[in-house]
C-alpha cells in the first residue's frame, strides 16, 4: 500500500530521528506490539525494517496542512534545522501520491524556487516563504487548492 494512503510514522530516540525512513502507522504499531517489555523499558529493540537502526520509539509524522512547522521538524531527519533534497523527497512521497522517479526528475526546477540562497538546503524561513516556499507549493498544488503547473503534473500520478 502506498505510504501516502495512510498516516506514516518515523523512528526516534528522544526528540531526534534515528533514520530517514517512513513506515505506515499500522506497521509501526505491529513493530511496537512485537517488542518485549524489557526492550520497551530500556528503549531498545525497535528496529527500522529498512536500515535496521535501533530506535526507542515511533512517532507519527505530522501532516503538512495541520502543523507545517512540526512537519518540517519531523522531515528534518538529520536534525540540523534544514531540509536536504533527499529529506524533502522522502517526506513528500510519504504524504502525497507522487511518483518518486518523476518527482526526482522534476525536483531540480522546484528546488531552485524553494532554496532561495542556493545552499542546497531549505531553511525553515525558506520553507514558509509566501509564494516561493515548499509549504506554499504544497498548499497550492499538492493539497489541490489550485491546478498544478506542468512540473507538478509530472510529479503526481
Protein backbone atom coordinates (compact mmCIF):
# COMPACT_ATOMS: atom_id res chain seq x y z
CA UNK A 1 0.00 0.00 0.00
CA UNK A 2 1.33 3.47 -0.86
CA UNK A 3 2.77 5.38 2.05
CA UNK A 4 0.61 8.42 1.39
CA UNK A 5 -2.64 6.46 1.71
CA UNK A 6 -2.32 6.02 5.48
CA UNK A 7 -0.71 8.01 8.30
CA UNK A 8 3.04 7.50 8.48
CA UNK A 9 5.48 7.44 11.35
CA UNK A 10 9.21 7.93 11.87
CA UNK A 11 11.72 6.23 14.18
CA UNK A 12 13.09 8.34 17.04
CA UNK A 13 15.25 8.32 20.14
CA UNK A 14 14.23 11.22 22.34
CA UNK A 15 13.37 14.17 20.08
CA UNK A 16 15.69 13.07 17.26
CA UNK A 17 15.04 10.81 14.29
CA UNK A 18 17.25 7.76 14.17
CA UNK A 19 16.93 7.11 10.43
CA UNK A 20 15.44 8.76 7.32
CA UNK A 21 12.76 6.13 6.68
CA UNK A 22 8.97 6.30 6.98
CA UNK A 23 6.62 3.49 7.94
CA UNK A 24 2.84 3.09 7.90
CA UNK A 25 1.21 3.74 11.25
CA UNK A 26 -0.26 0.21 11.23
CA UNK A 27 3.15 -1.37 10.61
CA UNK A 28 4.65 0.80 13.35
CA UNK A 29 2.00 -0.46 15.76
CA UNK A 30 2.79 -4.06 14.83
CA UNK A 31 6.51 -3.47 15.46
CA UNK A 32 5.77 -1.82 18.80
CA UNK A 33 3.47 -4.66 19.87
CA UNK A 34 6.12 -7.26 18.97
CA UNK A 35 8.72 -5.57 21.16
CA UNK A 36 9.33 -7.14 24.55
CA UNK A 37 8.61 -5.34 27.81
CA UNK A 38 12.33 -5.34 28.63
CA UNK A 39 13.17 -3.73 25.30
CA UNK A 40 10.38 -1.18 25.74
CA UNK A 41 11.63 -0.22 29.20
CA UNK A 42 15.25 0.03 28.06
CA UNK A 43 14.35 2.00 24.91
CA UNK A 44 15.77 -0.62 22.55
CA UNK A 45 14.57 -3.40 20.29
CA UNK A 46 12.59 -1.26 17.88
CA UNK A 47 14.37 -1.52 14.53
CA UNK A 48 13.66 0.13 11.22
CA UNK A 49 12.88 -2.71 8.80
CA UNK A 50 14.84 -0.97 6.03
CA UNK A 51 18.13 0.00 7.68
CA UNK A 52 17.94 -1.97 10.96
CA UNK A 53 18.74 1.13 13.04
CA UNK A 54 17.70 0.63 16.66
CA UNK A 55 15.22 3.22 17.95
CA UNK A 56 13.48 3.97 21.22
CA UNK A 57 10.08 4.91 19.79
CA UNK A 58 7.99 5.59 16.74
CA UNK A 59 6.36 9.00 16.31
CA UNK A 60 3.57 9.87 13.88
CA UNK A 61 4.56 12.17 11.03
CA UNK A 62 2.52 15.38 11.31
CA UNK A 63 0.51 16.36 8.26
CA UNK A 64 1.90 19.40 6.47
CA UNK A 65 -1.53 21.02 6.30
CA UNK A 66 -2.20 20.57 10.03
CA UNK A 67 1.13 21.63 11.53
CA UNK A 68 3.69 22.84 8.97
CA UNK A 69 6.48 23.55 11.46
CA UNK A 70 6.10 20.16 13.14
CA UNK A 71 6.08 18.56 9.65
CA UNK A 72 9.32 20.38 8.80
CA UNK A 73 10.94 19.27 12.08
CA UNK A 74 9.87 15.67 11.55
CA UNK A 75 11.05 15.69 7.91
CA UNK A 76 14.44 17.01 9.08
CA UNK A 77 15.91 13.54 9.64
CA UNK A 78 19.40 14.94 10.30
CA UNK A 79 18.05 17.27 12.98
CA UNK A 80 20.06 20.21 11.65
CA UNK A 81 17.18 22.66 11.20
CA UNK A 82 17.08 22.41 7.42
CA UNK A 83 15.82 20.02 4.76
CA UNK A 84 18.11 18.36 2.27
CA UNK A 85 16.73 17.44 -1.11
CA UNK A 86 16.58 13.78 -0.06
CA UNK A 87 14.74 14.59 3.18
CA UNK A 88 12.20 16.68 1.27
CA UNK A 89 11.70 13.94 -1.36
CA UNK A 90 11.11 11.23 1.24
CA UNK A 91 8.74 13.40 3.27
CA UNK A 92 6.72 14.43 0.20
CA UNK A 93 6.25 10.88 -1.10
CA UNK A 94 5.23 9.75 2.39
CA UNK A 95 2.26 12.13 2.35
CA UNK A 96 1.29 12.74 -1.27
CA UNK A 97 0.54 10.42 -4.23
CA UNK A 98 3.75 11.24 -6.08
CA UNK A 99 5.70 9.06 -8.45
CA UNK A 100 9.16 9.00 -6.84
CA UNK A 101 11.06 8.72 -10.14
CA UNK A 102 9.14 11.60 -11.72
CA UNK A 103 9.43 13.67 -8.55
CA UNK A 104 13.21 13.24 -8.52
CA UNK A 105 13.43 14.21 -12.19
CA UNK A 106 11.34 17.36 -11.80
CA UNK A 107 12.61 18.45 -8.40
CA UNK A 108 15.52 20.48 -9.80
CA UNK A 109 13.20 23.20 -11.05
CA UNK A 110 11.22 23.32 -7.82
CA UNK A 111 14.34 23.20 -5.66
CA UNK A 112 15.67 26.37 -7.29
CA UNK A 113 12.48 28.16 -6.18
CA UNK A 114 12.45 26.71 -2.67
CA UNK A 115 16.18 27.05 -1.87
CA UNK A 116 16.40 30.85 -2.07
CA UNK A 117 20.02 31.19 -1.03
CA UNK A 118 21.30 28.29 -3.16
CA UNK A 119 22.74 26.49 -0.15
CA UNK A 120 21.40 23.12 -1.26
CA UNK A 121 19.09 23.04 1.75
CA UNK A 122 15.72 24.54 2.65
CA UNK A 123 15.73 26.51 5.90
CA UNK A 124 12.59 26.98 7.96
CA UNK A 125 12.36 30.55 6.61
CA UNK A 126 12.59 29.31 3.01
CA UNK A 127 10.06 26.58 3.78
CA UNK A 128 7.37 29.04 4.93
CA UNK A 129 8.19 31.86 2.45
CA UNK A 130 4.92 33.05 0.86
CA UNK A 131 4.72 32.38 -2.85
CA UNK A 132 8.10 30.63 -3.15
CA UNK A 133 8.36 28.16 -0.26
CA UNK A 134 7.76 24.45 -0.23
CA UNK A 135 4.84 24.93 2.18
CA UNK A 136 3.09 27.34 -0.20
CA UNK A 137 3.74 24.95 -3.10
CA UNK A 138 2.26 22.03 -1.13
CA UNK A 139 -0.80 24.06 -0.22
CA UNK A 140 -1.38 25.22 -3.78
CA UNK A 141 -0.56 22.10 -5.78
CA UNK A 142 -0.27 19.01 -3.61
CA UNK A 143 -3.28 19.75 -1.44
CA UNK A 144 -5.18 20.61 -4.65
CA UNK A 145 -6.23 24.17 -3.89
CA UNK A 146 -5.41 25.21 -7.49
CA UNK A 147 -4.46 23.37 -10.70
CA UNK A 148 -0.87 22.21 -10.72
CA UNK A 149 1.69 23.70 -13.11
CA UNK A 150 3.28 21.41 -15.70
CA UNK A 151 6.18 20.44 -13.43
CA UNK A 152 3.77 19.37 -10.67
CA UNK A 153 1.65 17.37 -13.08
CA UNK A 154 4.70 15.23 -13.86
CA UNK A 155 5.10 14.59 -10.15
CA UNK A 156 1.53 13.44 -9.49
CA UNK A 157 0.20 10.07 -10.70
